[in-house]
């Protein structure tokens, strides 16, 4: 498929796409995590 017959290459491509998907998920989930936690601690101090 696509001229790549070595299964090792397919595993590397699969891992690269899994890492890409994880980084997108992690970025969306924790987009404003630090700002929200620091805002709540600032309001507690006032």
PDB file of N, CA and C in Angstrom:
ATOM      1  N   UNK A   1       0.842  -1.177   0.000  1.00  0.00           N
ATOM      2  CA  UNK A   1       0.000   0.000   0.000  1.00  0.00           C
ATOM      3  C   UNK A   1       0.889   1.243   0.000  1.00  0.00           C
ATOM      4  N   UNK A   2       0.628   2.160  -0.879  1.00  0.00           N
ATOM      5  CA  UNK A   2       1.367   3.409  -1.060  1.00  0.00           C
ATOM      6  C   UNK A   2       2.852   3.164  -1.330  1.00  0.00           C
ATOM      7  N   UNK A   3       3.216   1.962  -1.750  1.00  0.00           N
ATOM      8  CA  UNK A   3       4.596   1.667  -2.067  1.00  0.00           C
ATOM      9  C   UNK A   3       5.469   1.386  -0.863  1.00  0.00           C
ATOM     10  N   UNK A   4       4.864   1.259   0.320  1.00  0.00           N
ATOM     11  CA  UNK A   4       5.627   0.974   1.532  1.00  0.00           C
ATOM     12  C   UNK A   4       5.239  -0.426   1.988  1.00  0.00           C
ATOM     13  N   UNK A   5       6.151  -1.359   1.844  1.00  0.00           N
ATOM     14  CA  UNK A   5       5.840  -2.747   2.171  1.00  0.00           C
ATOM     15  C   UNK A   5       6.338  -3.163   3.545  1.00  0.00           C
ATOM     16  N   UNK A   6       7.190  -2.380   4.163  1.00  0.00           N
ATOM     17  CA  UNK A   6       7.775  -2.746   5.443  1.00  0.00           C
ATOM     18  C   UNK A   6       6.800  -2.444   6.587  1.00  0.00           C
ATOM     19  N   UNK A   7       6.444  -3.449   7.402  1.00  0.00           N
ATOM     20  CA  UNK A   7       5.509  -3.200   8.507  1.00  0.00           C
ATOM     21  C   UNK A   7       6.086  -2.263   9.566  1.00  0.00           C
ATOM     22  N   UNK A   8       7.397  -2.200   9.689  1.00  0.00           N
ATOM     23  CA  UNK A   8       8.004  -1.281  10.653  1.00  0.00           C
ATOM     24  C   UNK A   8       7.702   0.166  10.324  1.00  0.00           C
ATOM     25  N   UNK A   9       7.687   0.489   9.042  1.00  0.00           N
ATOM     26  CA  UNK A   9       7.361   1.855   8.614  1.00  0.00           C
ATOM     27  C   UNK A   9       5.909   2.177   8.940  1.00  0.00           C
ATOM     28  N   UNK A  10       5.019   1.211   8.730  1.00  0.00           N
ATOM     29  CA  UNK A  10       3.604   1.427   9.053  1.00  0.00           C
ATOM     30  C   UNK A  10       3.402   1.656  10.541  1.00  0.00           C
ATOM     31  N   UNK A  11       4.166   0.941  11.373  1.00  0.00           N
ATOM     32  CA  UNK A  11       4.056   1.130  12.828  1.00  0.00           C
ATOM     33  C   UNK A  11       4.502   2.538  13.217  1.00  0.00           C
ATOM     34  N   UNK A  12       5.571   3.017  12.605  1.00  0.00           N
ATOM     35  CA  UNK A  12       6.059   4.370  12.895  1.00  0.00           C
ATOM     36  C   UNK A  12       5.024   5.414  12.481  1.00  0.00           C
ATOM     37  N   UNK A  13       4.438   5.241  11.292  1.00  0.00           N
ATOM     38  CA  UNK A  13       3.380   6.169  10.872  1.00  0.00           C
ATOM     39  C   UNK A  13       2.181   6.115  11.811  1.00  0.00           C
ATOM     40  N   UNK A  14       1.790   4.938  12.243  1.00  0.00           N
ATOM     41  CA  UNK A  14       0.676   4.797  13.169  1.00  0.00           C
ATOM     42  C   UNK A  14       0.973   5.482  14.491  1.00  0.00           C
ATOM     43  N   UNK A  15       2.165   5.302  15.017  1.00  0.00           N
ATOM     44  CA  UNK A  15       2.547   5.962  16.266  1.00  0.00           C
ATOM     45  C   UNK A  15       2.582   7.475  16.108  1.00  0.00           C
ATOM     46  N   UNK A  16       3.032   7.956  14.957  1.00  0.00           N
ATOM     47  CA  UNK A  16       3.067   9.398  14.720  1.00  0.00           C
ATOM     48  C   UNK A  16       1.652   9.980  14.715  1.00  0.00           C
ATOM     49  N   UNK A  17       0.715   9.291  14.071  1.00  0.00           N
ATOM     50  CA  UNK A  17      -0.665   9.779  14.057  1.00  0.00           C
ATOM     51  C   UNK A  17      -1.325   9.668  15.425  1.00  0.00           C
ATOM     52  N   UNK A  18      -0.984   8.645  16.183  1.00  0.00           N
ATOM     53  CA  UNK A  18      -1.503   8.535  17.547  1.00  0.00           C
ATOM     54  C   UNK A  18      -0.975   9.670  18.420  1.00  0.00           C
ATOM     55  N   UNK A  19       0.282  10.007  18.278  1.00  0.00           N
ATOM     56  CA  UNK A  19       0.850  11.132  19.026  1.00  0.00           C
ATOM     57  C   UNK A  19       0.197  12.448  18.621  1.00  0.00           C
ATOM     58  N   UNK A  20      -0.058  12.602  17.341  1.00  0.00           N
ATOM     59  CA  UNK A  20      -0.736  13.802  16.857  1.00  0.00           C
ATOM     60  C   UNK A  20      -2.134  13.911  17.450  1.00  0.00           C
ATOM     61  N   UNK A  21      -2.873  12.807  17.432  1.00  0.00           N
ATOM     62  CA  UNK A  21      -4.219  12.802  18.007  1.00  0.00           C
ATOM     63  C   UNK A  21      -4.201  13.084  19.497  1.00  0.00           C
ATOM     64  N   UNK A  22      -3.236  12.501  20.214  1.00  0.00           N
ATOM     65  CA  UNK A  22      -3.149  12.748  21.648  1.00  0.00           C
ATOM     66  C   UNK A  22      -2.815  14.200  21.939  1.00  0.00           C
ATOM     67  N   UNK A  23      -1.913  14.789  21.165  1.00  0.00           N
ATOM     68  CA  UNK A  23      -1.552  16.179  21.414  1.00  0.00           C
ATOM     69  C   UNK A  23      -2.716  17.123  21.127  1.00  0.00           C
ATOM     70  N   UNK A  24      -3.503  16.824  20.106  1.00  0.00           N
ATOM     71  CA  UNK A  24      -4.686  17.640  19.823  1.00  0.00           C
ATOM     72  C   UNK A  24      -5.695  17.509  20.954  1.00  0.00           C
ATOM     73  N   UNK A  25      -5.957  16.284  21.409  1.00  0.00           N
ATOM     74  CA  UNK A  25      -6.893  16.070  22.519  1.00  0.00           C
ATOM     75  C   UNK A  25      -6.410  16.771  23.788  1.00  0.00           C
ATOM     76  N   UNK A  26      -5.135  16.641  24.120  1.00  0.00           N
ATOM     77  CA  UNK A  26      -4.575  17.238  25.323  1.00  0.00           C
ATOM     78  C   UNK A  26      -4.642  18.755  25.258  1.00  0.00           C
ATOM     79  N   UNK A  27      -4.351  19.316  24.091  1.00  0.00           N
ATOM     80  CA  UNK A  27      -4.410  20.761  23.927  1.00  0.00           C
ATOM     81  C   UNK A  27      -5.810  21.311  24.079  1.00  0.00           C
ATOM     82  N   UNK A  28      -6.792  20.608  23.551  1.00  0.00           N
ATOM     83  CA  UNK A  28      -8.176  21.065  23.689  1.00  0.00           C
ATOM     84  C   UNK A  28      -8.652  20.927  25.128  1.00  0.00           C
ATOM     85  N   UNK A  29      -8.310  19.834  25.783  1.00  0.00           N
ATOM     86  CA  UNK A  29      -8.779  19.594  27.148  1.00  0.00           C
ATOM     87  C   UNK A  29      -8.177  20.584  28.133  1.00  0.00           C
ATOM     88  N   UNK A  30      -6.905  20.882  28.010  1.00  0.00           N
ATOM     89  CA  UNK A  30      -6.218  21.735  28.980  1.00  0.00           C
ATOM     90  C   UNK A  30      -5.895  23.110  28.410  1.00  0.00           C
ATOM     91  N   UNK A  31      -6.739  23.629  27.536  1.00  0.00           N
ATOM     92  CA  UNK A  31      -6.487  24.904  26.870  1.00  0.00           C
ATOM     93  C   UNK A  31      -6.341  26.046  27.872  1.00  0.00           C
ATOM     94  N   UNK A  32      -7.282  26.211  28.772  1.00  0.00           N
ATOM     95  CA  UNK A  32      -7.265  27.311  29.741  1.00  0.00           C
ATOM     96  C   UNK A  32      -7.151  26.798  31.170  1.00  0.00           C
ATOM     97  N   UNK A  33      -6.562  25.661  31.353  1.00  0.00           N
ATOM     98  CA  UNK A  33      -6.513  25.045  32.680  1.00  0.00           C
ATOM     99  C   UNK A  33      -5.748  25.905  33.682  1.00  0.00           C
ATOM    100  N   UNK A  34      -4.580  26.436  33.308  1.00  0.00           N
ATOM    101  CA  UNK A  34      -3.777  27.249  34.224  1.00  0.00           C
ATOM    102  C   UNK A  34      -4.462  28.559  34.560  1.00  0.00           C
ATOM    103  N   UNK A  35      -5.094  29.184  33.595  1.00  0.00           N
ATOM    104  CA  UNK A  35      -5.761  30.452  33.840  1.00  0.00           C
ATOM    105  C   UNK A  35      -6.932  30.288  34.792  1.00  0.00           C
ATOM    106  N   UNK A  36      -7.704  29.218  34.632  1.00  0.00           N
ATOM    107  CA  UNK A  36      -8.850  28.997  35.508  1.00  0.00           C
ATOM    108  C   UNK A  36      -8.408  28.687  36.924  1.00  0.00           C
ATOM    109  N   UNK A  37      -7.375  27.890  37.092  1.00  0.00           N
ATOM    110  CA  UNK A  37      -6.919  27.541  38.430  1.00  0.00           C
ATOM    111  C   UNK A  37      -6.252  28.734  39.104  1.00  0.00           C
ATOM    112  N   UNK A  38      -5.547  29.583  38.364  1.00  0.00           N
ATOM    113  CA  UNK A  38      -4.912  30.753  38.961  1.00  0.00           C
ATOM    114  C   UNK A  38      -5.951  31.823  39.283  1.00  0.00           C
ATOM    115  N   UNK A  39      -7.030  31.931  38.515  1.00  0.00           N
ATOM    116  CA  UNK A  39      -8.080  32.898  38.800  1.00  0.00           C
ATOM    117  C   UNK A  39      -8.814  32.543  40.075  1.00  0.00           C
ATOM    118  N   UNK A  40      -9.067  31.280  40.301  1.00  0.00           N
ATOM    119  CA  UNK A  40      -9.775  30.886  41.519  1.00  0.00           C
ATOM    120  C   UNK A  40      -8.899  31.104  42.741  1.00  0.00           C
ATOM    121  N   UNK A  41      -7.599  30.904  42.638  1.00  0.00           N
ATOM    122  CA  UNK A  41      -6.716  31.119  43.774  1.00  0.00           C
ATOM    123  C   UNK A  41      -6.559  32.608  44.051  1.00  0.00           C
ATOM    124  N   UNK A  42      -6.617  33.454  43.022  1.00  0.00           N
ATOM    125  CA  UNK A  42      -6.545  34.899  43.227  1.00  0.00           C
ATOM    126  C   UNK A  42      -7.795  35.400  43.941  1.00  0.00           C
ATOM    127  N   UNK A  43      -8.956  34.865  43.594  1.00  0.00           N
ATOM    128  CA  UNK A  43     -10.186  35.318  44.239  1.00  0.00           C
ATOM    129  C   UNK A  43     -10.263  34.834  45.676  1.00  0.00           C
ATOM    130  N   UNK A  44      -9.608  33.732  45.996  1.00  0.00           N
ATOM    131  CA  UNK A  44      -9.586  33.253  47.374  1.00  0.00           C
ATOM    132  C   UNK A  44      -8.728  34.149  48.261  1.00  0.00           C
ATOM    133  N   UNK A  45      -7.706  34.760  47.691  1.00  0.00           N
ATOM    134  CA  UNK A  45      -6.797  35.597  48.472  1.00  0.00           C
ATOM    135  C   UNK A  45      -7.385  36.958  48.769  1.00  0.00           C
ATOM    136  N   UNK A  46      -8.343  37.414  47.985  1.00  0.00           N
ATOM    137  CA  UNK A  46      -8.910  38.766  48.155  1.00  0.00           C
ATOM    138  C   UNK A  46      -9.888  38.840  49.275  1.00  0.00           C
TER     139      UNK A  46
END
